[in-house]
């Protein structure tokens, strides 16, 4: 079995990284987040022009048709450059839902091409999320009511704004009235699609958290190489090296867990939900360790608005409970581990 990424996947990731390095520098993001809407249509259009919004849209609807493994790479870049998470909600989570509908379903036919071209902003509700990201700004919302899934225009919902510790996040509590006209899936199909949304949403957050962890580590390494005490860079002190080495270890341990989960989703593995929860926990731990160690080496100035570390640290904290908190994902993993007949061990990790 080949565990390496394809040349297309790696090339696409490098192209996105180079693009975001220029177009989404921290000082530019600060300017965007201080606006009333906190979003830049120009930046979103440029991202769409790079093909990111079309990444998982099927080729028949104008997309690139790439799978969950590609998104495991792309969401790391979204986290590394602190791009708002609603982009992944539209281009990855919502796309997964819509591609699960029948090929001739009007919602699929109408929305997927618009997602691919980057002209549509969706907001997604799920029972595990108390608040909806970008609900105020979305053109349409995907909302759940029991087993039913509804596609509701923004004009038919009320949104109560809730502030976030992360200045980039626009959260809202949505109230609405379900109608048969807005229902796009129900019953067993609704349950299945909600489960798909949850797994894709959690995997998306896991990838962003891993990217955030890497960015916080890079910022910390740069800082300790420049900050001096006793005539030496503090990065030369063994205690500081140990802090940052601990972060690097958590990041490297989380990567294969994330990729295992993406592989499981892409192949339709029956245990994919468990792998997703495992990845969510591993990546969350890496981001929290990176934030804590970053603050330790930066000192209290790491919390201040002028220092870039706080942007990525606050994003990691804000994403901690998105698409299921730690307790939720620990329960999914433990239910699997302690079930009768669970197949554990190296021989069952990747099965043909």
C-alpha atoms as a PDB file:
ATOM      1  CA  UNK A   1       0.000   0.000   0.000  1.00  0.00           C
ATOM      2  CA  UNK A   2       1.309   3.459  -0.944  1.00  0.00           C
ATOM      3  CA  UNK A   3       1.089   5.917   1.953  1.00  0.00           C
ATOM      4  CA  UNK A   4       2.649   8.870   0.135  1.00  0.00           C
ATOM      5  CA  UNK A   5       0.768  11.877  -1.192  1.00  0.00           C
ATOM      6  CA  UNK A   6       0.444  12.276  -4.940  1.00  0.00           C
ATOM      7  CA  UNK A   7       2.376  14.902  -6.861  1.00  0.00           C
ATOM      8  CA  UNK A   8      -0.899  16.693  -7.627  1.00  0.00           C
ATOM      9  CA  UNK A   9      -1.804  16.916  -3.933  1.00  0.00           C
ATOM     10  CA  UNK A  10       1.602  18.206  -2.888  1.00  0.00           C
ATOM     11  CA  UNK A  11       1.818  20.675  -5.773  1.00  0.00           C
ATOM     12  CA  UNK A  12      -1.628  22.043  -5.007  1.00  0.00           C
ATOM     13  CA  UNK A  13      -0.744  22.448  -1.334  1.00  0.00           C
ATOM     14  CA  UNK A  14       2.475  24.299  -2.170  1.00  0.00           C
ATOM     15  CA  UNK A  15       0.597  26.624  -4.528  1.00  0.00           C
ATOM     16  CA  UNK A  16      -2.009  27.443  -1.870  1.00  0.00           C
ATOM     17  CA  UNK A  17       0.703  28.000   0.743  1.00  0.00           C
ATOM     18  CA  UNK A  18       2.648  30.408  -1.475  1.00  0.00           C
ATOM     19  CA  UNK A  19      -0.539  32.268  -2.330  1.00  0.00           C
ATOM     20  CA  UNK A  20      -1.700  32.651   1.291  1.00  0.00           C
ATOM     21  CA  UNK A  21       1.770  33.703   2.415  1.00  0.00           C
ATOM     22  CA  UNK A  22       1.346  36.817   0.290  1.00  0.00           C
ATOM     23  CA  UNK A  23      -2.396  37.445   0.386  1.00  0.00           C
ATOM     24  CA  UNK A  24      -3.130  36.566   4.033  1.00  0.00           C
ATOM     25  CA  UNK A  25      -0.285  38.100   6.016  1.00  0.00           C
ATOM     26  CA  UNK A  26      -1.178  38.755   9.694  1.00  0.00           C
ATOM     27  CA  UNK A  27      -1.276  42.538   9.265  1.00  0.00           C
ATOM     28  CA  UNK A  28      -3.727  42.173   6.381  1.00  0.00           C
ATOM     29  CA  UNK A  29      -5.951  39.817   8.378  1.00  0.00           C
ATOM     30  CA  UNK A  30      -6.059  42.275  11.280  1.00  0.00           C
ATOM     31  CA  UNK A  31      -7.381  44.957   8.937  1.00  0.00           C
ATOM     32  CA  UNK A  32     -10.083  42.606   7.613  1.00  0.00           C
ATOM     33  CA  UNK A  33     -11.199  41.435  11.070  1.00  0.00           C
ATOM     34  CA  UNK A  34     -11.580  44.981  12.343  1.00  0.00           C
ATOM     35  CA  UNK A  35     -14.257  45.694   9.719  1.00  0.00           C
ATOM     36  CA  UNK A  36     -17.946  45.249  10.556  1.00  0.00           C
ATOM     37  CA  UNK A  37     -18.344  42.015   8.574  1.00  0.00           C
ATOM     38  CA  UNK A  38     -14.857  40.689   9.281  1.00  0.00           C
ATOM     39  CA  UNK A  39     -14.568  39.183   5.813  1.00  0.00           C
ATOM     40  CA  UNK A  40     -12.921  40.208   2.559  1.00  0.00           C
ATOM     41  CA  UNK A  41     -14.804  39.355  -0.655  1.00  0.00           C
ATOM     42  CA  UNK A  42     -11.627  40.168  -2.571  1.00  0.00           C
ATOM     43  CA  UNK A  43      -9.576  37.604  -0.609  1.00  0.00           C
ATOM     44  CA  UNK A  44     -12.292  34.993  -0.988  1.00  0.00           C
ATOM     45  CA  UNK A  45     -12.462  35.565  -4.745  1.00  0.00           C
ATOM     46  CA  UNK A  46      -8.696  35.183  -4.999  1.00  0.00           C
ATOM     47  CA  UNK A  47      -8.848  31.942  -3.014  1.00  0.00           C
ATOM     48  CA  UNK A  48     -11.569  30.676  -5.343  1.00  0.00           C
ATOM     49  CA  UNK A  49      -9.409  31.606  -8.344  1.00  0.00           C
ATOM     50  CA  UNK A  50      -6.712  29.308  -6.912  1.00  0.00           C
ATOM     51  CA  UNK A  51      -9.213  26.413  -7.035  1.00  0.00           C
ATOM     52  CA  UNK A  52      -9.613  25.837  -3.309  1.00  0.00           C
ATOM     53  CA  UNK A  53     -13.402  26.215  -3.306  1.00  0.00           C
ATOM     54  CA  UNK A  54     -13.637  23.697  -6.163  1.00  0.00           C
ATOM     55  CA  UNK A  55     -11.348  21.152  -4.517  1.00  0.00           C
ATOM     56  CA  UNK A  56     -13.930  18.488  -3.575  1.00  0.00           C
ATOM     57  CA  UNK A  57     -16.754  19.469  -5.928  1.00  0.00           C
ATOM     58  CA  UNK A  58     -17.216  16.660  -8.509  1.00  0.00           C
ATOM     59  CA  UNK A  59     -15.859  17.334 -11.966  1.00  0.00           C
ATOM     60  CA  UNK A  60     -19.369  17.058 -13.420  1.00  0.00           C
ATOM     61  CA  UNK A  61     -20.344  20.167 -11.417  1.00  0.00           C
ATOM     62  CA  UNK A  62     -17.255  22.152 -12.349  1.00  0.00           C
ATOM     63  CA  UNK A  63     -14.905  21.055  -9.553  1.00  0.00           C
ATOM     64  CA  UNK A  64     -11.609  19.210  -9.206  1.00  0.00           C
ATOM     65  CA  UNK A  65     -13.045  16.041  -7.669  1.00  0.00           C
ATOM     66  CA  UNK A  66     -10.316  15.569  -5.050  1.00  0.00           C
ATOM     67  CA  UNK A  67     -10.971  13.612  -1.857  1.00  0.00           C
ATOM     68  CA  UNK A  68     -10.733  13.950   1.930  1.00  0.00           C
ATOM     69  CA  UNK A  69      -6.986  13.271   1.934  1.00  0.00           C
ATOM     70  CA  UNK A  70      -6.404  16.409  -0.125  1.00  0.00           C
ATOM     71  CA  UNK A  71      -8.479  18.395   2.353  1.00  0.00           C
ATOM     72  CA  UNK A  72      -6.387  17.033   5.240  1.00  0.00           C
ATOM     73  CA  UNK A  73      -3.526  18.915   3.592  1.00  0.00           C
ATOM     74  CA  UNK A  74      -5.494  22.022   2.660  1.00  0.00           C
ATOM     75  CA  UNK A  75      -7.076  22.590   6.077  1.00  0.00           C
ATOM     76  CA  UNK A  76      -3.600  22.663   7.591  1.00  0.00           C
ATOM     77  CA  UNK A  77      -2.840  25.611   5.311  1.00  0.00           C
ATOM     78  CA  UNK A  78      -6.104  27.317   6.315  1.00  0.00           C
ATOM     79  CA  UNK A  79      -5.064  26.948   9.950  1.00  0.00           C
ATOM     80  CA  UNK A  80      -1.451  27.959   9.370  1.00  0.00           C
ATOM     81  CA  UNK A  81      -2.544  31.236   7.780  1.00  0.00           C
ATOM     82  CA  UNK A  82      -5.578  31.749  10.087  1.00  0.00           C
ATOM     83  CA  UNK A  83      -8.156  31.776   7.277  1.00  0.00           C
ATOM     84  CA  UNK A  84     -11.702  31.819   8.735  1.00  0.00           C
ATOM     85  CA  UNK A  85     -13.129  28.324   9.135  1.00  0.00           C
ATOM     86  CA  UNK A  86     -16.362  29.072   7.241  1.00  0.00           C
ATOM     87  CA  UNK A  87     -14.447  28.621   3.991  1.00  0.00           C
ATOM     88  CA  UNK A  88     -13.918  24.940   4.783  1.00  0.00           C
ATOM     89  CA  UNK A  89     -17.545  24.684   5.937  1.00  0.00           C
ATOM     90  CA  UNK A  90     -18.701  25.761   2.477  1.00  0.00           C
ATOM     91  CA  UNK A  91     -16.095  24.137   0.248  1.00  0.00           C
ATOM     92  CA  UNK A  92     -15.668  20.873   2.149  1.00  0.00           C
ATOM     93  CA  UNK A  93     -18.440  20.129   4.655  1.00  0.00           C
ATOM     94  CA  UNK A  94     -21.383  21.462   2.642  1.00  0.00           C
ATOM     95  CA  UNK A  95     -19.961  19.964  -0.539  1.00  0.00           C
ATOM     96  CA  UNK A  96     -19.869  16.548   1.140  1.00  0.00           C
ATOM     97  CA  UNK A  97     -23.536  16.902   2.050  1.00  0.00           C
ATOM     98  CA  UNK A  98     -24.630  18.042  -1.405  1.00  0.00           C
ATOM     99  CA  UNK A  99     -22.704  15.300  -3.220  1.00  0.00           C
ATOM    100  CA  UNK A 100     -24.584  12.808  -1.041  1.00  0.00           C
ATOM    101  CA  UNK A 101     -27.859  13.872  -2.626  1.00  0.00           C
ATOM    102  CA  UNK A 102     -29.213  12.308  -5.805  1.00  0.00           C
ATOM    103  CA  UNK A 103     -27.504  13.429  -9.002  1.00  0.00           C
ATOM    104  CA  UNK A 104     -30.699  15.139 -10.198  1.00  0.00           C
ATOM    105  CA  UNK A 105     -31.514  16.846  -6.884  1.00  0.00           C
ATOM    106  CA  UNK A 106     -32.112  20.577  -7.540  1.00  0.00           C
ATOM    107  CA  UNK A 107     -30.066  21.681  -4.497  1.00  0.00           C
ATOM    108  CA  UNK A 108     -27.072  19.748  -5.762  1.00  0.00           C
ATOM    109  CA  UNK A 109     -27.416  21.030  -9.306  1.00  0.00           C
ATOM    110  CA  UNK A 110     -27.901  24.647  -8.222  1.00  0.00           C
ATOM    111  CA  UNK A 111     -25.352  24.986  -5.428  1.00  0.00           C
ATOM    112  CA  UNK A 112     -22.320  22.845  -6.292  1.00  0.00           C
ATOM    113  CA  UNK A 113     -21.317  24.877  -9.387  1.00  0.00           C
ATOM    114  CA  UNK A 114     -21.599  28.073  -7.339  1.00  0.00           C
ATOM    115  CA  UNK A 115     -19.439  26.606  -4.571  1.00  0.00           C
ATOM    116  CA  UNK A 116     -16.848  25.606  -7.157  1.00  0.00           C
ATOM    117  CA  UNK A 117     -16.658  29.116  -8.593  1.00  0.00           C
ATOM    118  CA  UNK A 118     -16.567  30.666  -5.110  1.00  0.00           C
ATOM    119  CA  UNK A 119     -19.706  32.790  -5.423  1.00  0.00           C
ATOM    120  CA  UNK A 120     -21.686  31.104  -2.633  1.00  0.00           C
ATOM    121  CA  UNK A 121     -21.218  31.364   1.133  1.00  0.00           C
ATOM    122  CA  UNK A 122     -22.998  28.709   3.196  1.00  0.00           C
ATOM    123  CA  UNK A 123     -23.409  28.407   6.960  1.00  0.00           C
ATOM    124  CA  UNK A 124     -23.950  25.029   8.596  1.00  0.00           C
ATOM    125  CA  UNK A 125     -25.769  24.015  11.755  1.00  0.00           C
ATOM    126  CA  UNK A 126     -25.353  20.658  13.473  1.00  0.00           C
ATOM    127  CA  UNK A 127     -26.617  19.369  16.853  1.00  0.00           C
ATOM    128  CA  UNK A 128     -23.036  19.311  18.222  1.00  0.00           C
ATOM    129  CA  UNK A 129     -22.594  23.031  17.502  1.00  0.00           C
ATOM    130  CA  UNK A 130     -24.561  25.393  19.703  1.00  0.00           C
ATOM    131  CA  UNK A 131     -23.651  28.355  17.489  1.00  0.00           C
ATOM    132  CA  UNK A 132     -23.412  28.707  13.707  1.00  0.00           C
ATOM    133  CA  UNK A 133     -20.307  30.209  12.124  1.00  0.00           C
ATOM    134  CA  UNK A 134     -20.938  33.010   9.598  1.00  0.00           C
ATOM    135  CA  UNK A 135     -24.714  32.686   9.882  1.00  0.00           C
ATOM    136  CA  UNK A 136     -25.083  36.466   9.555  1.00  0.00           C
ATOM    137  CA  UNK A 137     -23.140  36.557   6.294  1.00  0.00           C
ATOM    138  CA  UNK A 138     -24.382  33.412   4.551  1.00  0.00           C
ATOM    139  CA  UNK A 139     -26.661  33.466   1.538  1.00  0.00           C
ATOM    140  CA  UNK A 140     -28.235  30.158   2.551  1.00  0.00           C
ATOM    141  CA  UNK A 141     -27.957  27.987   5.661  1.00  0.00           C
ATOM    142  CA  UNK A 142     -27.924  24.219   6.103  1.00  0.00           C
ATOM    143  CA  UNK A 143     -29.960  23.559   9.257  1.00  0.00           C
ATOM    144  CA  UNK A 144     -31.033  20.375  11.028  1.00  0.00           C
ATOM    145  CA  UNK A 145     -34.341  19.484  12.653  1.00  0.00           C
ATOM    146  CA  UNK A 146     -34.219  15.993  14.152  1.00  0.00           C
ATOM    147  CA  UNK A 147     -33.277  13.682  11.283  1.00  0.00           C
ATOM    148  CA  UNK A 148     -34.283  16.267   8.687  1.00  0.00           C
ATOM    149  CA  UNK A 149     -31.859  18.548   6.874  1.00  0.00           C
ATOM    150  CA  UNK A 150     -33.101  21.867   5.548  1.00  0.00           C
ATOM    151  CA  UNK A 151     -31.666  24.369   3.091  1.00  0.00           C
ATOM    152  CA  UNK A 152     -32.949  27.756   4.249  1.00  0.00           C
ATOM    153  CA  UNK A 153     -32.438  31.224   2.730  1.00  0.00           C
ATOM    154  CA  UNK A 154     -30.914  33.796   5.061  1.00  0.00           C
ATOM    155  CA  UNK A 155     -34.085  35.880   4.851  1.00  0.00           C
ATOM    156  CA  UNK A 156     -36.039  33.118   6.643  1.00  0.00           C
ATOM    157  CA  UNK A 157     -33.845  32.900   9.772  1.00  0.00           C
ATOM    158  CA  UNK A 158     -33.119  35.152  12.717  1.00  0.00           C
ATOM    159  CA  UNK A 159     -29.532  35.343  13.949  1.00  0.00           C
ATOM    160  CA  UNK A 160     -28.484  36.492  17.417  1.00  0.00           C
ATOM    161  CA  UNK A 161     -24.823  37.515  17.320  1.00  0.00           C
ATOM    162  CA  UNK A 162     -22.442  35.992  19.881  1.00  0.00           C
ATOM    163  CA  UNK A 163     -18.920  37.359  20.355  1.00  0.00           C
ATOM    164  CA  UNK A 164     -15.892  35.067  20.245  1.00  0.00           C
ATOM    165  CA  UNK A 165     -12.454  35.281  21.820  1.00  0.00           C
ATOM    166  CA  UNK A 166     -11.193  34.946  18.250  1.00  0.00           C
ATOM    167  CA  UNK A 167     -11.709  38.282  16.479  1.00  0.00           C
ATOM    168  CA  UNK A 168     -12.063  36.538  13.112  1.00  0.00           C
ATOM    169  CA  UNK A 169     -15.038  34.366  14.046  1.00  0.00           C
ATOM    170  CA  UNK A 170     -18.596  35.576  13.447  1.00  0.00           C
ATOM    171  CA  UNK A 171     -20.841  33.321  15.510  1.00  0.00           C
ATOM    172  CA  UNK A 172     -24.609  33.394  15.830  1.00  0.00           C
ATOM    173  CA  UNK A 173     -27.538  31.556  17.410  1.00  0.00           C
ATOM    174  CA  UNK A 174     -30.115  30.755  14.729  1.00  0.00           C
ATOM    175  CA  UNK A 175     -33.883  30.548  15.158  1.00  0.00           C
ATOM    176  CA  UNK A 176     -36.134  29.445  12.309  1.00  0.00           C
ATOM    177  CA  UNK A 177     -39.297  27.518  11.409  1.00  0.00           C
ATOM    178  CA  UNK A 178     -38.865  24.267   9.446  1.00  0.00           C
ATOM    179  CA  UNK A 179     -41.131  23.805   6.428  1.00  0.00           C
ATOM    180  CA  UNK A 180     -41.514  20.944   3.935  1.00  0.00           C
ATOM    181  CA  UNK A 181     -40.388  23.297   1.170  1.00  0.00           C
ATOM    182  CA  UNK A 182     -36.906  23.700   2.682  1.00  0.00           C
ATOM    183  CA  UNK A 183     -36.307  20.022   3.550  1.00  0.00           C
ATOM    184  CA  UNK A 184     -33.688  18.353   1.319  1.00  0.00           C
ATOM    185  CA  UNK A 185     -33.178  15.077   3.225  1.00  0.00           C
ATOM    186  CA  UNK A 186     -34.991  13.167   5.959  1.00  0.00           C
ATOM    187  CA  UNK A 187     -35.165   9.811   7.722  1.00  0.00           C
ATOM    188  CA  UNK A 188     -32.262   7.418   7.197  1.00  0.00           C
ATOM    189  CA  UNK A 189     -30.768   9.600   4.491  1.00  0.00           C
ATOM    190  CA  UNK A 190     -30.898  12.619   6.786  1.00  0.00           C
ATOM    191  CA  UNK A 191     -29.125  10.680   9.545  1.00  0.00           C
ATOM    192  CA  UNK A 192     -26.436   9.493   7.161  1.00  0.00           C
ATOM    193  CA  UNK A 193     -25.805  12.951   5.766  1.00  0.00           C
ATOM    194  CA  UNK A 194     -25.686  14.499   9.231  1.00  0.00           C
ATOM    195  CA  UNK A 195     -23.078  11.917  10.209  1.00  0.00           C
ATOM    196  CA  UNK A 196     -21.082  12.810   7.094  1.00  0.00           C
ATOM    197  CA  UNK A 197     -21.280  16.501   7.953  1.00  0.00           C
ATOM    198  CA  UNK A 198     -20.045  15.805  11.479  1.00  0.00           C
ATOM    199  CA  UNK A 199     -17.082  13.725  10.321  1.00  0.00           C
ATOM    200  CA  UNK A 200     -16.053  16.223   7.667  1.00  0.00           C
ATOM    201  CA  UNK A 201     -16.507  19.145  10.038  1.00  0.00           C
ATOM    202  CA  UNK A 202     -14.429  17.480  12.764  1.00  0.00           C
ATOM    203  CA  UNK A 203     -11.711  16.482  10.282  1.00  0.00           C
ATOM    204  CA  UNK A 204     -11.633  20.034   8.961  1.00  0.00           C
ATOM    205  CA  UNK A 205     -11.158  21.416  12.474  1.00  0.00           C
ATOM    206  CA  UNK A 206      -8.468  18.819  13.197  1.00  0.00           C
ATOM    207  CA  UNK A 207      -6.493  19.890  10.135  1.00  0.00           C
ATOM    208  CA  UNK A 208      -6.814  23.570  11.027  1.00  0.00           C
ATOM    209  CA  UNK A 209      -5.674  22.888  14.590  1.00  0.00           C
ATOM    210  CA  UNK A 210      -2.604  21.077  13.303  1.00  0.00           C
ATOM    211  CA  UNK A 211      -1.789  23.993  10.999  1.00  0.00           C
ATOM    212  CA  UNK A 212      -2.269  26.406  13.889  1.00  0.00           C
ATOM    213  CA  UNK A 213       0.089  24.331  16.039  1.00  0.00           C
ATOM    214  CA  UNK A 214       2.772  24.446  13.352  1.00  0.00           C
ATOM    215  CA  UNK A 215       2.393  28.230  12.937  1.00  0.00           C
ATOM    216  CA  UNK A 216       2.651  28.817  16.699  1.00  0.00           C
ATOM    217  CA  UNK A 217       5.765  26.635  16.821  1.00  0.00           C
ATOM    218  CA  UNK A 218       7.342  28.544  13.915  1.00  0.00           C
ATOM    219  CA  UNK A 219       6.554  31.889  15.568  1.00  0.00           C
ATOM    220  CA  UNK A 220       8.035  30.692  18.837  1.00  0.00           C
ATOM    221  CA  UNK A 221      11.195  29.403  17.165  1.00  0.00           C
ATOM    222  CA  UNK A 222      11.671  32.750  15.395  1.00  0.00           C
ATOM    223  CA  UNK A 223      11.123  34.652  18.641  1.00  0.00           C
ATOM    224  CA  UNK A 224      13.579  32.663  20.774  1.00  0.00           C
ATOM    225  CA  UNK A 225      16.217  33.024  18.060  1.00  0.00           C
ATOM    226  CA  UNK A 226      15.975  36.830  18.353  1.00  0.00           C
ATOM    227  CA  UNK A 227      15.181  37.459  22.038  1.00  0.00           C
ATOM    228  CA  UNK A 228      18.322  37.689  24.145  1.00  0.00           C
ATOM    229  CA  UNK A 229      19.075  37.307  27.831  1.00  0.00           C
ATOM    230  CA  UNK A 230      22.513  37.313  29.420  1.00  0.00           C
ATOM    231  CA  UNK A 231      23.930  38.144  26.008  1.00  0.00           C
ATOM    232  CA  UNK A 232      22.578  34.988  24.351  1.00  0.00           C
ATOM    233  CA  UNK A 233      19.435  34.120  22.353  1.00  0.00           C
ATOM    234  CA  UNK A 234      17.017  32.429  24.749  1.00  0.00           C
ATOM    235  CA  UNK A 235      16.635  29.667  22.188  1.00  0.00           C
ATOM    236  CA  UNK A 236      20.114  28.492  23.134  1.00  0.00           C
ATOM    237  CA  UNK A 237      18.937  27.624  26.659  1.00  0.00           C
ATOM    238  CA  UNK A 238      18.173  23.957  27.154  1.00  0.00           C
ATOM    239  CA  UNK A 239      14.862  24.535  28.979  1.00  0.00           C
ATOM    240  CA  UNK A 240      13.516  26.560  26.048  1.00  0.00           C
ATOM    241  CA  UNK A 241      14.661  23.912  23.581  1.00  0.00           C
ATOM    242  CA  UNK A 242      12.784  21.263  25.567  1.00  0.00           C
ATOM    243  CA  UNK A 243       9.572  23.301  25.468  1.00  0.00           C
ATOM    244  CA  UNK A 244       9.648  23.643  21.696  1.00  0.00           C
ATOM    245  CA  UNK A 245      10.823  20.081  21.097  1.00  0.00           C
ATOM    246  CA  UNK A 246       7.760  18.927  23.030  1.00  0.00           C
ATOM    247  CA  UNK A 247       5.540  20.899  20.654  1.00  0.00           C
ATOM    248  CA  UNK A 248       7.284  19.435  17.607  1.00  0.00           C
ATOM    249  CA  UNK A 249       6.783  15.923  18.987  1.00  0.00           C
ATOM    250  CA  UNK A 250       3.034  16.431  19.434  1.00  0.00           C
ATOM    251  CA  UNK A 251       2.715  17.816  15.900  1.00  0.00           C
ATOM    252  CA  UNK A 252       4.574  14.926  14.306  1.00  0.00           C
ATOM    253  CA  UNK A 253       2.557  12.386  16.294  1.00  0.00           C
ATOM    254  CA  UNK A 254      -0.730  13.997  15.238  1.00  0.00           C
ATOM    255  CA  UNK A 255       0.010  14.061  11.492  1.00  0.00           C
ATOM    256  CA  UNK A 256      -0.359  10.319  10.776  1.00  0.00           C
ATOM    257  CA  UNK A 257      -3.495  10.219  12.937  1.00  0.00           C
ATOM    258  CA  UNK A 258      -5.025  12.993  10.825  1.00  0.00           C
ATOM    259  CA  UNK A 259      -4.049  11.302   7.575  1.00  0.00           C
ATOM    260  CA  UNK A 260      -5.413   7.953   8.791  1.00  0.00           C
ATOM    261  CA  UNK A 261      -8.773   9.586   9.441  1.00  0.00           C
ATOM    262  CA  UNK A 262      -8.805  11.282   6.036  1.00  0.00           C
ATOM    263  CA  UNK A 263      -7.909   7.977   4.377  1.00  0.00           C
ATOM    264  CA  UNK A 264     -10.778   6.273   6.206  1.00  0.00           C
ATOM    265  CA  UNK A 265     -13.298   8.898   5.126  1.00  0.00           C
ATOM    266  CA  UNK A 266     -12.114   8.826   1.526  1.00  0.00           C
ATOM    267  CA  UNK A 267     -12.513   5.028   1.375  1.00  0.00           C
ATOM    268  CA  UNK A 268     -15.817   4.910   3.268  1.00  0.00           C
ATOM    269  CA  UNK A 269     -14.265   2.947   6.151  1.00  0.00           C
ATOM    270  CA  UNK A 270     -16.876   1.699   8.623  1.00  0.00           C
ATOM    271  CA  UNK A 271     -14.754   2.987  11.514  1.00  0.00           C
ATOM    272  CA  UNK A 272     -13.942   6.332   9.907  1.00  0.00           C
ATOM    273  CA  UNK A 273     -15.865   8.243  12.587  1.00  0.00           C
ATOM    274  CA  UNK A 274     -13.604   6.769  15.262  1.00  0.00           C
ATOM    275  CA  UNK A 275     -10.468   7.723  13.331  1.00  0.00           C
ATOM    276  CA  UNK A 276     -11.850  11.250  12.895  1.00  0.00           C
ATOM    277  CA  UNK A 277     -12.427  11.613  16.640  1.00  0.00           C
ATOM    278  CA  UNK A 278      -8.959  10.281  17.335  1.00  0.00           C
ATOM    279  CA  UNK A 279      -7.478  12.820  14.915  1.00  0.00           C
ATOM    280  CA  UNK A 280      -9.564  15.586  16.445  1.00  0.00           C
ATOM    281  CA  UNK A 281      -8.183  14.803  19.900  1.00  0.00           C
ATOM    282  CA  UNK A 282      -4.558  14.445  18.765  1.00  0.00           C
ATOM    283  CA  UNK A 283      -4.575  17.688  16.768  1.00  0.00           C
ATOM    284  CA  UNK A 284      -6.367  19.575  19.524  1.00  0.00           C
ATOM    285  CA  UNK A 285      -3.736  18.472  22.027  1.00  0.00           C
ATOM    286  CA  UNK A 286      -0.945  19.560  19.669  1.00  0.00           C
ATOM    287  CA  UNK A 287      -2.483  23.028  19.274  1.00  0.00           C
ATOM    288  CA  UNK A 288      -3.001  23.489  22.991  1.00  0.00           C
ATOM    289  CA  UNK A 289       0.569  22.436  23.763  1.00  0.00           C
ATOM    290  CA  UNK A 290       1.829  24.811  21.056  1.00  0.00           C
ATOM    291  CA  UNK A 291      -0.195  27.697  22.504  1.00  0.00           C
ATOM    292  CA  UNK A 292       0.898  27.030  26.091  1.00  0.00           C
ATOM    293  CA  UNK A 293       4.579  26.614  25.244  1.00  0.00           C
ATOM    294  CA  UNK A 294       4.411  29.617  22.925  1.00  0.00           C
ATOM    295  CA  UNK A 295       3.169  31.799  25.758  1.00  0.00           C
ATOM    296  CA  UNK A 296       5.873  30.426  28.040  1.00  0.00           C
ATOM    297  CA  UNK A 297       8.668  31.435  25.684  1.00  0.00           C
ATOM    298  CA  UNK A 298       7.073  34.747  24.619  1.00  0.00           C
ATOM    299  CA  UNK A 299       6.044  35.816  28.091  1.00  0.00           C
ATOM    300  CA  UNK A 300       2.946  37.919  28.778  1.00  0.00           C
ATOM    301  CA  UNK A 301       3.501  39.946  25.608  1.00  0.00           C
ATOM    302  CA  UNK A 302       2.304  36.887  23.675  1.00  0.00           C
ATOM    303  CA  UNK A 303      -1.268  37.790  24.660  1.00  0.00           C
ATOM    304  CA  UNK A 304      -1.107  41.302  23.232  1.00  0.00           C
ATOM    305  CA  UNK A 305      -2.752  42.376  19.975  1.00  0.00           C
ATOM    306  CA  UNK A 306       0.531  43.518  18.436  1.00  0.00           C
ATOM    307  CA  UNK A 307       2.122  40.056  18.672  1.00  0.00           C
ATOM    308  CA  UNK A 308       1.073  37.544  16.003  1.00  0.00           C
ATOM    309  CA  UNK A 309       1.037  34.587  18.397  1.00  0.00           C
ATOM    310  CA  UNK A 310      -2.252  35.670  19.976  1.00  0.00           C
ATOM    311  CA  UNK A 311      -4.087  35.426  16.641  1.00  0.00           C
ATOM    312  CA  UNK A 312      -3.327  31.735  16.238  1.00  0.00           C
ATOM    313  CA  UNK A 313      -3.588  30.927  19.931  1.00  0.00           C
ATOM    314  CA  UNK A 314      -7.095  32.385  20.204  1.00  0.00           C
ATOM    315  CA  UNK A 315      -8.174  30.572  17.047  1.00  0.00           C
ATOM    316  CA  UNK A 316      -7.027  27.275  18.583  1.00  0.00           C
ATOM    317  CA  UNK A 317      -8.978  27.975  21.758  1.00  0.00           C
ATOM    318  CA  UNK A 318     -12.075  28.964  19.793  1.00  0.00           C
ATOM    319  CA  UNK A 319     -11.995  25.819  17.630  1.00  0.00           C
ATOM    320  CA  UNK A 320     -11.586  23.530  20.633  1.00  0.00           C
ATOM    321  CA  UNK A 321     -15.335  22.857  20.933  1.00  0.00           C
ATOM    322  CA  UNK A 322     -16.259  23.247  17.260  1.00  0.00           C
ATOM    323  CA  UNK A 323     -17.797  20.133  15.671  1.00  0.00           C
ATOM    324  CA  UNK A 324     -17.785  18.300  18.982  1.00  0.00           C
ATOM    325  CA  UNK A 325     -15.848  19.048  22.158  1.00  0.00           C
ATOM    326  CA  UNK A 326     -13.213  16.793  23.674  1.00  0.00           C
ATOM    327  CA  UNK A 327     -15.741  14.903  25.764  1.00  0.00           C
ATOM    328  CA  UNK A 328     -17.804  14.058  22.699  1.00  0.00           C
ATOM    329  CA  UNK A 329     -14.837  12.719  20.744  1.00  0.00           C
ATOM    330  CA  UNK A 330     -13.363  10.857  23.705  1.00  0.00           C
ATOM    331  CA  UNK A 331     -16.709   9.087  24.103  1.00  0.00           C
ATOM    332  CA  UNK A 332     -16.720   8.004  20.452  1.00  0.00           C
ATOM    333  CA  UNK A 333     -13.207   6.593  20.784  1.00  0.00           C
ATOM    334  CA  UNK A 334     -13.841   4.857  24.101  1.00  0.00           C
ATOM    335  CA  UNK A 335     -17.089   3.285  22.869  1.00  0.00           C
ATOM    336  CA  UNK A 336     -15.108   1.726  20.043  1.00  0.00           C
ATOM    337  CA  UNK A 337     -12.152   0.618  22.154  1.00  0.00           C
ATOM    338  CA  UNK A 338     -14.228  -1.105  24.811  1.00  0.00           C
ATOM    339  CA  UNK A 339     -16.775  -2.723  22.513  1.00  0.00           C
ATOM    340  CA  UNK A 340     -16.826  -6.503  22.214  1.00  0.00           C
ATOM    341  CA  UNK A 341     -14.893  -7.822  19.229  1.00  0.00           C
ATOM    342  CA  UNK A 342     -12.970  -4.634  18.544  1.00  0.00           C
ATOM    343  CA  UNK A 343     -10.123  -5.343  16.131  1.00  0.00           C
ATOM    344  CA  UNK A 344      -7.033  -3.650  17.536  1.00  0.00           C
ATOM    345  CA  UNK A 345      -3.315  -3.835  16.798  1.00  0.00           C
ATOM    346  CA  UNK A 346      -0.971  -3.127  13.878  1.00  0.00           C
ATOM    347  CA  UNK A 347      -2.484  -5.862  11.723  1.00  0.00           C
ATOM    348  CA  UNK A 348      -5.849  -4.084  11.663  1.00  0.00           C
ATOM    349  CA  UNK A 349      -4.695  -0.473  11.161  1.00  0.00           C
ATOM    350  CA  UNK A 350      -4.881  -0.543   7.355  1.00  0.00           C
ATOM    351  CA  UNK A 351      -6.820  -3.462   5.972  1.00  0.00           C
ATOM    352  CA  UNK A 352      -7.294  -4.246   2.321  1.00  0.00           C
END
